[in-house]
């Protein structure tokens, strides 16, 4: 989800794609990149928390 909703909108704007399930692209201009950037940040934070929990358990 982090890749498809976060990275794909930025790439699709560069190459002119119209991905069907990239919901941030349906938002107006200043909001789509804010939402996409927030999705990327949340995905990185969740992966970091999961990695730390995995290391703590091992």
N, C-alpha and C. Protein backbone atom coordinates (compact mmCIF):
# COMPACT_ATOMS: atom_id res chain seq x y z
N UNK A 1 0.82 -1.18 0.00
CA UNK A 1 0.00 0.00 0.00
C UNK A 1 0.87 1.25 0.00
N UNK A 2 1.97 1.20 0.73
CA UNK A 2 2.86 2.36 0.76
C UNK A 2 3.44 2.67 -0.59
N UNK A 3 3.73 1.64 -1.35
CA UNK A 3 4.30 1.86 -2.68
C UNK A 3 3.21 2.34 -3.64
N UNK A 4 2.07 1.67 -3.66
CA UNK A 4 1.06 1.99 -4.66
C UNK A 4 0.38 3.32 -4.39
N UNK A 5 0.13 3.65 -3.14
CA UNK A 5 -0.53 4.91 -2.81
C UNK A 5 0.45 6.05 -2.55
N UNK A 6 1.72 5.72 -2.33
CA UNK A 6 2.70 6.75 -2.04
C UNK A 6 3.62 7.06 -3.19
N UNK A 7 4.22 6.05 -3.78
CA UNK A 7 5.23 6.25 -4.82
C UNK A 7 4.60 6.34 -6.21
N UNK A 8 3.63 5.51 -6.49
CA UNK A 8 3.03 5.45 -7.83
C UNK A 8 2.44 6.80 -8.27
N UNK A 9 1.77 7.57 -7.40
CA UNK A 9 1.27 8.87 -7.87
C UNK A 9 2.37 9.80 -8.37
N UNK A 10 3.51 9.81 -7.69
CA UNK A 10 4.61 10.66 -8.14
C UNK A 10 5.15 10.19 -9.49
N UNK A 11 5.34 8.89 -9.63
CA UNK A 11 5.86 8.33 -10.88
C UNK A 11 4.85 8.51 -12.01
N UNK A 12 3.58 8.34 -11.70
CA UNK A 12 2.56 8.45 -12.75
C UNK A 12 2.44 9.88 -13.27
N UNK A 13 2.67 10.86 -12.43
CA UNK A 13 2.64 12.25 -12.89
C UNK A 13 3.79 12.52 -13.85
N UNK A 14 4.95 11.92 -13.58
CA UNK A 14 6.12 12.13 -14.44
C UNK A 14 5.90 11.49 -15.81
N UNK A 15 5.38 10.25 -15.82
CA UNK A 15 5.23 9.51 -17.07
C UNK A 15 3.84 9.61 -17.70
N UNK A 16 2.91 10.31 -17.03
CA UNK A 16 1.58 10.49 -17.60
C UNK A 16 0.68 9.28 -17.49
N UNK A 17 0.93 8.39 -16.56
CA UNK A 17 0.09 7.21 -16.38
C UNK A 17 -1.20 7.59 -15.69
N UNK A 18 -2.19 6.73 -15.79
CA UNK A 18 -3.46 6.88 -15.08
C UNK A 18 -3.77 5.61 -14.32
N UNK A 19 -3.07 5.34 -13.20
CA UNK A 19 -3.35 4.12 -12.44
C UNK A 19 -4.76 4.16 -11.85
N UNK A 20 -5.42 3.01 -11.90
CA UNK A 20 -6.82 2.94 -11.49
C UNK A 20 -7.00 3.06 -9.97
N UNK A 21 -6.12 2.44 -9.19
CA UNK A 21 -6.32 2.40 -7.74
C UNK A 21 -5.46 3.39 -6.96
N UNK A 22 -4.81 4.30 -7.61
CA UNK A 22 -4.01 5.31 -6.90
C UNK A 22 -4.96 6.44 -6.49
N UNK A 23 -5.55 6.29 -5.33
CA UNK A 23 -6.58 7.23 -4.87
C UNK A 23 -6.09 8.66 -4.64
N UNK A 24 -4.83 8.88 -4.22
CA UNK A 24 -4.40 10.28 -4.06
C UNK A 24 -4.45 11.08 -5.36
N UNK A 25 -4.39 10.43 -6.51
CA UNK A 25 -4.45 11.17 -7.77
C UNK A 25 -5.83 11.76 -8.04
N UNK A 26 -6.83 11.31 -7.33
CA UNK A 26 -8.18 11.85 -7.50
C UNK A 26 -8.38 13.14 -6.71
N UNK A 27 -7.40 13.50 -5.88
CA UNK A 27 -7.49 14.72 -5.09
C UNK A 27 -7.02 15.92 -5.91
N UNK A 28 -7.40 17.14 -5.49
CA UNK A 28 -6.91 18.33 -6.20
C UNK A 28 -5.40 18.48 -6.07
N UNK A 29 -4.85 19.35 -6.87
CA UNK A 29 -3.41 19.45 -7.06
C UNK A 29 -2.56 19.57 -5.80
N UNK A 30 -2.79 20.47 -4.88
CA UNK A 30 -1.83 20.50 -3.76
C UNK A 30 -2.00 19.34 -2.78
N UNK A 31 -3.16 18.70 -2.79
CA UNK A 31 -3.42 17.67 -1.79
C UNK A 31 -2.92 16.30 -2.18
N UNK A 32 -2.84 15.98 -3.46
CA UNK A 32 -2.44 14.62 -3.85
C UNK A 32 -1.02 14.33 -3.44
N UNK A 33 -0.12 15.31 -3.59
CA UNK A 33 1.27 15.02 -3.23
C UNK A 33 1.48 15.06 -1.72
N UNK A 34 0.66 15.83 -1.00
CA UNK A 34 0.75 15.82 0.47
C UNK A 34 0.32 14.47 1.01
N UNK A 35 -0.78 13.93 0.48
CA UNK A 35 -1.27 12.61 0.90
C UNK A 35 -0.28 11.52 0.51
N UNK A 36 0.26 11.60 -0.68
CA UNK A 36 1.22 10.59 -1.13
C UNK A 36 2.49 10.63 -0.28
N UNK A 37 2.97 11.81 0.03
CA UNK A 37 4.15 11.93 0.89
C UNK A 37 3.86 11.42 2.30
N UNK A 38 2.67 11.69 2.81
CA UNK A 38 2.29 11.19 4.13
C UNK A 38 2.22 9.67 4.15
N UNK A 39 1.73 9.07 3.09
CA UNK A 39 1.67 7.61 3.00
C UNK A 39 3.08 7.02 3.03
N UNK A 40 4.01 7.64 2.31
CA UNK A 40 5.39 7.16 2.31
C UNK A 40 5.99 7.26 3.70
N UNK A 41 5.77 8.38 4.38
CA UNK A 41 6.32 8.57 5.73
C UNK A 41 5.73 7.55 6.70
N UNK A 42 4.43 7.34 6.64
CA UNK A 42 3.78 6.38 7.53
C UNK A 42 4.29 4.97 7.25
N UNK A 43 4.48 4.62 5.99
CA UNK A 43 4.99 3.29 5.65
C UNK A 43 6.40 3.09 6.20
N UNK A 44 7.25 4.10 6.09
CA UNK A 44 8.62 3.99 6.62
C UNK A 44 8.60 3.87 8.14
N UNK A 45 7.75 4.63 8.81
CA UNK A 45 7.65 4.56 10.27
C UNK A 45 7.15 3.19 10.71
N UNK A 46 6.14 2.66 10.04
CA UNK A 46 5.60 1.34 10.39
C UNK A 46 6.66 0.26 10.18
N UNK A 47 7.39 0.33 9.07
CA UNK A 47 8.45 -0.65 8.84
C UNK A 47 9.54 -0.55 9.90
N UNK A 48 9.88 0.66 10.33
CA UNK A 48 10.88 0.84 11.38
C UNK A 48 10.41 0.27 12.71
N UNK A 49 9.17 0.52 13.06
CA UNK A 49 8.62 -0.01 14.31
C UNK A 49 8.59 -1.53 14.28
N UNK A 50 8.17 -2.11 13.16
CA UNK A 50 8.15 -3.56 13.04
C UNK A 50 9.54 -4.16 13.12
N UNK A 51 10.51 -3.52 12.50
CA UNK A 51 11.88 -4.00 12.55
C UNK A 51 12.44 -3.96 13.96
N UNK A 52 12.17 -2.89 14.69
CA UNK A 52 12.64 -2.78 16.07
C UNK A 52 11.97 -3.82 16.96
N UNK A 53 10.68 -4.07 16.73
CA UNK A 53 9.98 -5.09 17.52
C UNK A 53 10.53 -6.48 17.22
N UNK A 54 10.86 -6.73 15.97
CA UNK A 54 11.42 -8.03 15.59
C UNK A 54 12.78 -8.23 16.23
N UNK A 55 13.61 -7.20 16.24
CA UNK A 55 14.93 -7.31 16.85
C UNK A 55 14.83 -7.47 18.35
N UNK A 56 13.86 -6.82 18.98
CA UNK A 56 13.66 -6.91 20.42
C UNK A 56 13.22 -8.32 20.82
N UNK A 57 12.40 -8.96 20.00
CA UNK A 57 11.88 -10.28 20.29
C UNK A 57 12.94 -11.37 20.08
N UNK A 58 13.89 -11.10 19.23
CA UNK A 58 14.90 -12.13 18.91
C UNK A 58 16.05 -12.12 19.88
